[in-house]
C-alpha atoms as a PDB file:
ATOM      1  CA  MET A   1      25.300 -55.441  33.756  1.00  0.00           C
ATOM      2  CA  PRO A   2      23.485 -51.823  34.094  1.00  0.00           C
ATOM      3  CA  SER A   3      21.853 -50.392  31.151  1.00  0.00           C
ATOM      4  CA  VAL A   4      23.782 -47.967  29.134  1.00  0.00           C
ATOM      5  CA  PRO A   5      21.711 -44.847  27.907  1.00  0.00           C
ATOM      6  CA  THR A   6      21.603 -44.393  24.329  1.00  0.00           C
ATOM      7  CA  ILE A   7      23.980 -41.651  23.135  1.00  0.00           C
ATOM      8  CA  GLY A   8      21.972 -39.075  21.186  1.00  0.00           C
ATOM      9  CA  THR A   9      24.584 -38.377  18.692  1.00  0.00           C
ATOM     10  CA  LEU A  10      25.069 -39.301  14.849  1.00  0.00           C
ATOM     11  CA  PRO A  11      27.333 -42.421  14.471  1.00  0.00           C
ATOM     12  CA  ALA A  12      30.938 -41.911  13.241  1.00  0.00           C
ATOM     13  CA  ALA A  13      31.258 -41.778   9.458  1.00  0.00           C
ATOM     14  CA  LEU A  14      32.463 -45.247   7.902  1.00  0.00           C
ATOM     15  CA  ASP A  15      34.552 -43.683   5.279  1.00  0.00           C
ATOM     16  CA  ASP A  16      37.730 -41.498   5.659  1.00  0.00           C
ATOM     17  CA  SER A  17      36.150 -38.183   5.201  1.00  0.00           C
ATOM     18  CA  ASP A  18      37.301 -35.125   7.428  1.00  0.00           C
ATOM     19  CA  ASP A  19      35.482 -33.885  10.318  1.00  0.00           C
ATOM     20  CA  VAL A  20      33.194 -30.944   9.818  1.00  0.00           C
ATOM     21  CA  VAL A  21      32.174 -28.015  12.322  1.00  0.00           C
ATOM     22  CA  VAL A  22      28.340 -28.115  13.025  1.00  0.00           C
ATOM     23  CA  TRP A  23      26.400 -25.547  14.749  1.00  0.00           C
ATOM     24  CA  ARG A  24      23.948 -27.021  17.587  1.00  0.00           C
ATOM     25  CA  CYS A  25      21.622 -24.103  17.738  1.00  0.00           C
ATOM     26  CA  THR A  26      19.728 -24.906  14.535  1.00  0.00           C
ATOM     27  CA  PRO A  27      18.140 -28.048  13.346  1.00  0.00           C
ATOM     28  CA  THR A  28      20.139 -28.374  10.295  1.00  0.00           C
ATOM     29  CA  SER A  29      23.385 -27.809  12.316  1.00  0.00           C
ATOM     30  CA  ILE A  30      24.178 -25.112   9.767  1.00  0.00           C
ATOM     31  CA  PHE A  31      25.269 -21.672  11.228  1.00  0.00           C
ATOM     32  CA  THR A  32      23.037 -18.671  10.846  1.00  0.00           C
ATOM     33  CA  ILE A  33      23.491 -15.276  11.908  1.00  0.00           C
ATOM     34  CA  ALA A  34      19.800 -15.205  13.166  1.00  0.00           C
ATOM     35  CA  SER A  35      20.361 -18.260  15.384  1.00  0.00           C
ATOM     36  CA  ALA A  36      23.560 -16.631  16.739  1.00  0.00           C
ATOM     37  CA  TYR A  37      21.687 -13.404  17.641  1.00  0.00           C
ATOM     38  CA  ALA A  38      18.900 -15.424  19.397  1.00  0.00           C
ATOM     39  CA  ARG A  39      21.805 -17.559  21.313  1.00  0.00           C
ATOM     40  CA  ASP A  40      23.366 -14.478  22.358  1.00  0.00           C
ATOM     41  CA  LEU A  41      19.984 -12.883  23.835  1.00  0.00           C
ATOM     42  CA  GLU A  42      19.143 -16.021  25.630  1.00  0.00           C
ATOM     43  CA  PRO A  43      20.440 -14.627  29.117  1.00  0.00           C
ATOM     44  CA  MET A  44      18.109 -11.618  28.800  1.00  0.00           C
ATOM     45  CA  TRP A  45      15.115 -13.995  28.452  1.00  0.00           C
ATOM     46  CA  GLU A  46      15.851 -15.501  32.056  1.00  0.00           C
ATOM     47  CA  GLY A  47      12.896 -15.096  34.305  1.00  0.00           C
ATOM     48  CA  VAL A  48      10.636 -13.328  31.708  1.00  0.00           C
ATOM     49  CA  ASP A  49       6.879 -14.273  31.713  1.00  0.00           C
ATOM     50  CA  SER A  50       6.203 -17.154  29.160  1.00  0.00           C
ATOM     51  CA  LYS A  51       3.438 -14.726  27.716  1.00  0.00           C
ATOM     52  CA  TRP A  52       6.438 -13.310  25.728  1.00  0.00           C
ATOM     53  CA  PHE A  53       7.309 -16.587  24.140  1.00  0.00           C
ATOM     54  CA  HIS A  54       3.741 -17.030  23.201  1.00  0.00           C
ATOM     55  CA  LEU A  55       3.779 -13.709  21.661  1.00  0.00           C
ATOM     56  CA  TRP A  56       6.668 -14.318  19.450  1.00  0.00           C
ATOM     57  CA  SER A  57       5.441 -17.485  18.079  1.00  0.00           C
ATOM     58  CA  LEU A  58       2.360 -15.993  16.718  1.00  0.00           C
ATOM     59  CA  LEU A  59       2.346 -16.341  13.187  1.00  0.00           C
ATOM     60  CA  VAL A  60       0.010 -13.364  12.035  1.00  0.00           C
ATOM     61  CA  THR A  61      -0.079 -10.539   9.519  1.00  0.00           C
ATOM     62  CA  GLU A  62      -0.132  -6.756  10.441  1.00  0.00           C
ATOM     63  CA  HIS A  63      -3.599  -6.515   8.913  1.00  0.00           C
ATOM     64  CA  SER A  64      -4.924  -9.198  11.282  1.00  0.00           C
ATOM     65  CA  ASN A  65      -3.411  -7.734  14.176  1.00  0.00           C
ATOM     66  CA  LEU A  66      -4.763  -4.135  13.752  1.00  0.00           C
ATOM     67  CA  HIS A  67      -8.171  -5.666  12.902  1.00  0.00           C
ATOM     68  CA  SER A  68      -8.455  -8.436  15.316  1.00  0.00           C
ATOM     69  CA  SER A  69     -11.400  -8.677  17.759  1.00  0.00           C
ATOM     70  CA  PHE A  70      -9.320 -10.575  20.174  1.00  0.00           C
ATOM     71  CA  SER A  71      -8.923  -9.164  23.715  1.00  0.00           C
ATOM     72  CA  LEU A  72      -6.208  -9.584  26.443  1.00  0.00           C
ATOM     73  CA  SER A  73      -7.616 -12.086  29.129  1.00  0.00           C
ATOM     74  CA  SER A  74      -6.066 -10.128  31.964  1.00  0.00           C
ATOM     75  CA  ASN A  75      -8.031  -6.895  31.384  1.00  0.00           C
ATOM     76  CA  SER A  76     -10.244  -7.340  28.334  1.00  0.00           C
ATOM     77  CA  THR A  77      -8.012  -4.658  26.356  1.00  0.00           C
ATOM     78  CA  PRO A  78      -8.432  -5.151  22.646  1.00  0.00           C
ATOM     79  CA  TRP A  79      -5.618  -6.615  20.867  1.00  0.00           C
ATOM     80  CA  ARG A  80      -5.801  -4.204  17.966  1.00  0.00           C
ATOM     81  CA  CYS A  81      -5.005  -1.276  20.588  1.00  0.00           C
ATOM     82  CA  PHE A  82      -2.422  -3.436  22.498  1.00  0.00           C
ATOM     83  CA  PHE A  83      -0.304  -4.701  19.326  1.00  0.00           C
ATOM     84  CA  PRO A  84       0.714  -1.176  18.147  1.00  0.00           C
ATOM     85  CA  SER A  85       1.368  -0.140  21.597  1.00  0.00           C
ATOM     86  CA  LEU A  86       3.703  -2.929  22.143  1.00  0.00           C
ATOM     87  CA  LEU A  87       5.423  -2.196  18.912  1.00  0.00           C
ATOM     88  CA  TRP A  88       6.187   1.231  19.908  1.00  0.00           C
ATOM     89  CA  GLN A  89       7.319   0.370  23.361  1.00  0.00           C
ATOM     90  CA  LEU A  90       9.751  -2.419  21.816  1.00  0.00           C
ATOM     91  CA  TRP A  91      11.001   0.176  19.194  1.00  0.00           C
ATOM     92  CA  LYS A  92      11.805   2.607  22.105  1.00  0.00           C
ATOM     93  CA  ARG A  93      13.437  -0.081  24.061  1.00  0.00           C
ATOM     94  CA  ARG A  94      15.695  -0.863  21.089  1.00  0.00           C
ATOM     95  CA  ASN A  95      16.584   2.709  20.227  1.00  0.00           C
ATOM     96  CA  GLU A  96      17.509   3.233  24.097  1.00  0.00           C
ATOM     97  CA  PHE A  97      19.740   0.113  23.698  1.00  0.00           C
ATOM     98  CA  VAL A  98      21.425   1.327  20.687  1.00  0.00           C
ATOM     99  CA  PHE A  99      21.873   4.975  21.478  1.00  0.00           C
ATOM    100  CA  ASN A 100      22.251   4.765  25.343  1.00  0.00           C
ATOM    101  CA  ALA A 101      23.502   1.255  26.015  1.00  0.00           C
ATOM    102  CA  SER A 102      20.643   0.583  28.431  1.00  0.00           C
ATOM    103  CA  TRP A 103      17.051  -0.741  28.031  1.00  0.00           C
ATOM    104  CA  LEU A 104      13.803  -1.096  29.713  1.00  0.00           C
ATOM    105  CA  PRO A 105      12.890  -4.533  31.402  1.00  0.00           C
ATOM    106  CA  LEU A 106      10.783  -6.514  29.156  1.00  0.00           C
ATOM    107  CA  VAL A 107       8.224  -6.798  31.769  1.00  0.00           C
ATOM    108  CA  GLU A 108       8.058  -3.245  32.320  1.00  0.00           C
ATOM    109  CA  ALA A 109       7.585  -2.621  28.483  1.00  0.00           C
ATOM    110  CA  TYR A 110       4.790  -4.995  28.560  1.00  0.00           C
ATOM    111  CA  ARG A 111       2.894  -3.236  31.524  1.00  0.00           C
ATOM    112  CA  ILE A 112       3.353   0.140  29.801  1.00  0.00           C
ATOM    113  CA  SER A 113       1.812  -1.288  26.515  1.00  0.00           C
ATOM    114  CA  ILE A 114      -1.207  -2.449  28.439  1.00  0.00           C
ATOM    115  CA  THR A 115      -1.725   0.745  30.011  1.00  0.00           C
ATOM    116  CA  TRP A 116      -1.389   2.763  26.852  1.00  0.00           C
ATOM    117  CA  ALA A 117      -3.571   0.455  25.001  1.00  0.00           C
ATOM    118  CA  ALA A 118      -6.301   0.599  27.891  1.00  0.00           C
ATOM    119  CA  TYR A 119      -6.195   4.190  27.835  1.00  0.00           C
ATOM    120  CA  PHE A 120      -6.743   4.511  24.019  1.00  0.00           C
ATOM    121  CA  ALA A 121      -9.310   2.150  24.146  1.00  0.00           C
ATOM    122  CA  ASP A 122     -11.238   4.078  26.940  1.00  0.00           C
ATOM    123  CA  ILE A 123     -10.910   7.161  24.858  1.00  0.00           C
ATOM    124  CA  ARG A 124     -12.413   5.543  21.712  1.00  0.00           C
ATOM    125  CA  ALA A 125     -15.267   4.174  23.750  1.00  0.00           C
ATOM    126  CA  SER A 126     -15.876   7.387  25.362  1.00  0.00           C
ATOM    127  CA  ALA A 127     -15.838   9.281  21.948  1.00  0.00           C
ATOM    128  CA  ARG A 128     -18.354   7.095  20.647  1.00  0.00           C
ATOM    129  CA  THR A 129     -20.827   8.099  23.127  1.00  0.00           C
ATOM    130  CA  LEU A 130     -20.912  11.597  21.944  1.00  0.00           C
ATOM    131  CA  PRO A 131     -24.138  12.394  20.528  1.00  0.00           C
ATOM    132  CA  THR A 132     -23.981  12.628  16.634  1.00  0.00           C
ATOM    133  CA  SER A 133     -24.649  16.011  15.095  1.00  0.00           C
ATOM    134  CA  THR A 134     -24.745  17.294  11.567  1.00  0.00           C
ATOM    135  CA  PHE A 135     -22.707  20.160  10.422  1.00  0.00           C
ATOM    136  CA  VAL A 136     -25.208  22.421   8.316  1.00  0.00           C
ATOM    137  CA  TYR A 137     -25.715  26.439   7.811  1.00  0.00           C
ATOM    138  CA  HIS A 138     -28.390  27.931   9.548  1.00  0.00           C
ATOM    139  CA  GLN A 139     -30.162  31.454   9.494  1.00  0.00           C
ATOM    140  CA  TRP A 140     -30.810  32.784  13.128  1.00  0.00           C
ATOM    141  CA  LYS A 141     -34.383  32.188  14.277  1.00  0.00           C
ATOM    142  CA  LYS A 142     -36.266  31.466  17.526  1.00  0.00           C
ATOM    143  CA  PRO A 143     -35.519  28.227  18.985  1.00  0.00           C
ATOM    144  CA  ALA A 144     -38.276  25.452  19.694  1.00  0.00           C
ATOM    145  CA  MET A 145     -40.525  25.825  22.569  1.00  0.00           C
ATOM    146  CA  GLY A 146     -38.672  24.652  25.797  1.00  0.00           C
ATOM    147  CA  TRP A 147     -35.222  25.486  24.202  1.00  0.00           C
ATOM    148  CA  LEU A 148     -32.918  28.414  24.647  1.00  0.00           C
ATOM    149  CA  CYS A 149     -30.537  29.832  22.272  1.00  0.00           C
ATOM    150  CA  LEU A 150     -26.903  31.089  22.928  1.00  0.00           C
ATOM    151  CA  ASN A 151     -25.280  33.125  20.549  1.00  0.00           C
ATOM    152  CA  THR A 152     -21.669  33.316  20.756  1.00  0.00           C
ATOM    153  CA  ASP A 153     -18.895  35.680  19.200  1.00  0.00           C
ATOM    154  CA  ALA A 154     -15.324  36.529  19.556  1.00  0.00           C
ATOM    155  CA  SER A 155     -12.879  39.237  18.236  1.00  0.00           C
ATOM    156  CA  ILE A 156      -8.997  39.815  18.267  1.00  0.00           C
ATOM    157  CA  SER A 157      -7.483  43.305  18.432  1.00  0.00           C
ATOM    158  CA  SER A 158      -5.609  44.180  15.567  1.00  0.00           C
ATOM    159  CA  ALA A 159      -3.295  46.371  17.758  1.00  0.00           C
ATOM    160  CA  ASP A 160      -2.293  44.074  20.480  1.00  0.00           C
ATOM    161  CA  GLY A 161      -3.822  40.586  19.807  1.00  0.00           C
ATOM    162  CA  VAL A 162      -5.836  40.717  22.920  1.00  0.00           C
ATOM    163  CA  GLY A 163      -8.895  38.402  22.455  1.00  0.00           C
ATOM    164  CA  THR A 164     -12.633  39.409  23.541  1.00  0.00           C
ATOM    165  CA  ILE A 165     -15.600  37.199  23.859  1.00  0.00           C
ATOM    166  CA  GLY A 166     -19.171  37.329  24.292  1.00  0.00           C
ATOM    167  CA  GLY A 167     -22.638  35.681  24.229  1.00  0.00           C
ATOM    168  CA  VAL A 168     -26.256  36.269  24.667  1.00  0.00           C
ATOM    169  CA  LEU A 169     -28.976  33.718  25.994  1.00  0.00           C
ATOM    170  CA  ARG A 170     -32.407  34.040  24.740  1.00  0.00           C
ATOM    171  CA  ASP A 171     -35.450  32.032  24.887  1.00  0.00           C
ATOM    172  CA  SER A 172     -38.025  30.645  22.377  1.00  0.00           C
ATOM    173  CA  SER A 173     -39.784  34.099  22.150  1.00  0.00           C
ATOM    174  CA  GLY A 174     -36.666  35.921  21.355  1.00  0.00           C
ATOM    175  CA  THR A 175     -36.466  37.357  24.910  1.00  0.00           C
ATOM    176  CA  TRP A 176     -33.072  38.148  26.428  1.00  0.00           C
ATOM    177  CA  LEU A 177     -32.119  36.460  29.281  1.00  0.00           C
ATOM    178  CA  ARG A 178     -28.673  36.971  30.163  1.00  0.00           C
ATOM    179  CA  GLY A 179     -25.412  37.713  28.754  1.00  0.00           C
ATOM    180  CA  TYR A 180     -21.711  37.799  29.295  1.00  0.00           C
ATOM    181  CA  CYS A 181     -18.319  39.322  27.841  1.00  0.00           C
ATOM    182  CA  LYS A 182     -14.875  38.769  28.838  1.00  0.00           C
ATOM    183  CA  CYS A 183     -11.276  39.644  27.976  1.00  0.00           C
ATOM    184  CA  ILE A 184      -8.964  36.562  27.550  1.00  0.00           C
ATOM    185  CA  GLY A 185      -5.565  37.802  26.793  1.00  0.00           C
ATOM    186  CA  LYS A 186      -3.526  37.043  23.680  1.00  0.00           C
ATOM    187  CA  VAL A 187      -5.065  34.033  21.819  1.00  0.00           C
ATOM    188  CA  SER A 188      -5.648  33.018  18.281  1.00  0.00           C
ATOM    189  CA  THR A 189      -8.879  33.445  16.448  1.00  0.00           C
ATOM    190  CA  ILE A 190      -9.929  29.868  17.012  1.00  0.00           C
ATOM    191  CA  GLN A 191      -9.172  29.787  20.556  1.00  0.00           C
ATOM    192  CA  ALA A 192     -11.189  33.020  20.923  1.00  0.00           C
ATOM    193  CA  GLU A 193     -14.236  31.517  19.329  1.00  0.00           C
ATOM    194  CA  LEU A 194     -13.866  28.065  21.382  1.00  0.00           C
ATOM    195  CA  TRP A 195     -13.449  30.164  24.525  1.00  0.00           C
ATOM    196  CA  SER A 196     -16.681  31.948  23.754  1.00  0.00           C
ATOM    197  CA  VAL A 197     -18.518  28.697  23.275  1.00  0.00           C
ATOM    198  CA  TYR A 198     -16.897  27.091  26.440  1.00  0.00           C
ATOM    199  CA  ILE A 199     -17.689  29.948  28.856  1.00  0.00           C
ATOM    200  CA  GLY A 200     -21.172  30.258  27.402  1.00  0.00           C
ATOM    201  CA  LEU A 201     -21.791  26.671  28.250  1.00  0.00           C
ATOM    202  CA  GLU A 202     -20.443  27.257  31.879  1.00  0.00           C
ATOM    203  CA  VAL A 203     -22.822  30.177  32.333  1.00  0.00           C
ATOM    204  CA  ASP A 204     -25.919  28.459  30.976  1.00  0.00           C
ATOM    205  CA  TRP A 205     -25.220  25.332  32.835  1.00  0.00           C
ATOM    206  CA  SER A 206     -25.173  27.331  36.138  1.00  0.00           C
ATOM    207  CA  PHE A 207     -28.607  28.931  34.908  1.00  0.00           C
ATOM    208  CA  GLY A 208     -30.129  25.439  35.058  1.00  0.00           C
ATOM    209  CA  THR A 209     -30.582  24.934  31.289  1.00  0.00           C
ATOM    210  CA  ASN A 210     -31.386  21.637  30.131  1.00  0.00           C
ATOM    211  CA  ARG A 211     -32.246  22.160  26.146  1.00  0.00           C
ATOM    212  CA  LEU A 212     -29.620  24.591  24.408  1.00  0.00           C
ATOM    213  CA  VAL A 213     -28.836  25.660  20.970  1.00  0.00           C
ATOM    214  CA  ILE A 214     -25.483  27.132  20.543  1.00  0.00           C
ATOM    215  CA  GLN A 215     -24.930  29.353  17.460  1.00  0.00           C
ATOM    216  CA  SER A 216     -21.509  30.566  16.183  1.00  0.00           C
ATOM    217  CA  ASP A 217     -20.299  32.111  13.110  1.00  0.00           C
ATOM    218  CA  SER A 218     -17.181  30.182  13.200  1.00  0.00           C
ATOM    219  CA  SER A 219     -17.516  27.178  10.921  1.00  0.00           C
ATOM    220  CA  GLN A 220     -14.073  25.851  12.141  1.00  0.00           C
ATOM    221  CA  ALA A 221     -15.137  25.924  15.748  1.00  0.00           C
ATOM    222  CA  ILE A 222     -18.195  24.262  15.023  1.00  0.00           C
ATOM    223  CA  LYS A 223     -16.566  21.397  12.974  1.00  0.00           C
ATOM    224  CA  LEU A 224     -14.046  20.896  15.950  1.00  0.00           C
ATOM    225  CA  VAL A 225     -16.893  20.546  18.561  1.00  0.00           C
ATOM    226  CA  LEU A 226     -18.699  18.226  16.231  1.00  0.00           C
ATOM    227  CA  ASP A 227     -16.069  15.941  15.595  1.00  0.00           C
ATOM    228  CA  PRO A 228     -16.665  12.367  17.016  1.00  0.00           C
ATOM    229  CA  PHE A 229     -13.182  12.212  18.537  1.00  0.00           C
ATOM    230  CA  ALA A 230     -13.120  15.593  19.941  1.00  0.00           C
ATOM    231  CA  LEU A 231     -12.621  14.055  23.318  1.00  0.00           C
ATOM    232  CA  ARG A 232      -9.139  13.112  22.217  1.00  0.00           C
ATOM    233  CA  HIS A 233      -8.266  16.229  20.182  1.00  0.00           C
ATOM    234  CA  SER A 234      -4.867  17.923  20.765  1.00  0.00           C
ATOM    235  CA  MET A 235      -6.642  21.093  21.834  1.00  0.00           C
ATOM    236  CA  GLN A 236      -7.645  21.125  25.445  1.00  0.00           C
ATOM    237  CA  LEU A 237     -10.391  23.572  24.921  1.00  0.00           C
ATOM    238  CA  VAL A 238     -12.062  21.194  22.299  1.00  0.00           C
ATOM    239  CA  ARG A 239     -11.601  18.270  24.633  1.00  0.00           C
ATOM    240  CA  ALA A 240     -13.435  20.387  27.399  1.00  0.00           C
ATOM    241  CA  ILE A 241     -16.299  21.424  25.214  1.00  0.00           C
ATOM    242  CA  ALA A 242     -16.851  17.988  24.005  1.00  0.00           C
ATOM    243  CA  ALA A 243     -16.933  16.954  27.944  1.00  0.00           C
ATOM    244  CA  TRP A 244     -19.636  19.244  28.335  1.00  0.00           C
ATOM    245  CA  ARG A 245     -21.607  17.239  25.682  1.00  0.00           C
ATOM    246  CA  LEU A 246     -21.826  14.346  28.037  1.00  0.00           C
ATOM    247  CA  LYS A 247     -23.603  16.188  30.575  1.00  0.00           C
ATOM    248  CA  HIS A 248     -27.146  15.526  31.255  1.00  0.00           C
ATOM    249  CA  TRP A 249     -28.756  18.115  28.956  1.00  0.00           C
ATOM    250  CA  SER A 250     -29.438  18.466  25.258  1.00  0.00           C
ATOM    251  CA  LEU A 251     -27.174  20.591  22.868  1.00  0.00           C
ATOM    252  CA  ASP A 252     -27.440  21.347  19.425  1.00  0.00           C
ATOM    253  CA  PHE A 253     -24.351  23.311  17.797  1.00  0.00           C
ATOM    254  CA  GLN A 254     -25.097  25.369  14.681  1.00  0.00           C
ATOM    255  CA  TRP A 255     -23.084  27.398  12.256  1.00  0.00           C
ATOM    256  CA  ILE A 256     -24.737  30.796  11.248  1.00  0.00           C
ATOM    257  CA  LEU A 257     -23.277  33.600   8.885  1.00  0.00           C
ATOM    258  CA  GLU A 258     -22.551  36.884  10.684  1.00  0.00           C
ATOM    259  CA  LYS A 259     -24.777  39.728   9.258  1.00  0.00           C
END
């Protein structure tokens, strides 16, 4: 007589109690909204990479996620960068579903999250390579032997708002070497001061300068370019000046009061 497989169900009750409805999607057979929601979403998970199931099973806190030293094995992207990027993409995906009845495929959301996380990690690494500088007040004096000094300035016309910039390059003996001036159109005061520094760096780099002191009477401009995260600042001019600091020369930015 062939063997009969064991029936994996509970035996019938021996008393005369009524039958009850059970829910097979929970271990306790009790219905919950969470289990029903998960059951309803099961078709959406078909064909999804198994890494997502591992991700949702992680029992970690927000603090440990944002301060974790763990990196993704695929491209060494830090988890502390990937985690917030992933949350942002999932939130955008949810909003797209709620308000537009469409959503980005999970695999695509995962790919975008890694791309943004890797970009942010690279920016932070680049920012840390900027030389450290101290923001202090200086009075003008001749630069040290072997150094050149660039004094920059800018002004905005009260009549039409047009900005004008200029600069003077001198050697360690105070001798004038070259200068520049330029009309840059309608800009804000801080933009004019930054343009003056940027153009001065271009001029001095073409001159073959390898040791340069940049002096400006704009404390705000000096603070912006000395910020350790200037490479990812919202202002393009600040990022451009920060990029000049990474070139193969020595730069020292100083704030001086205008006399």
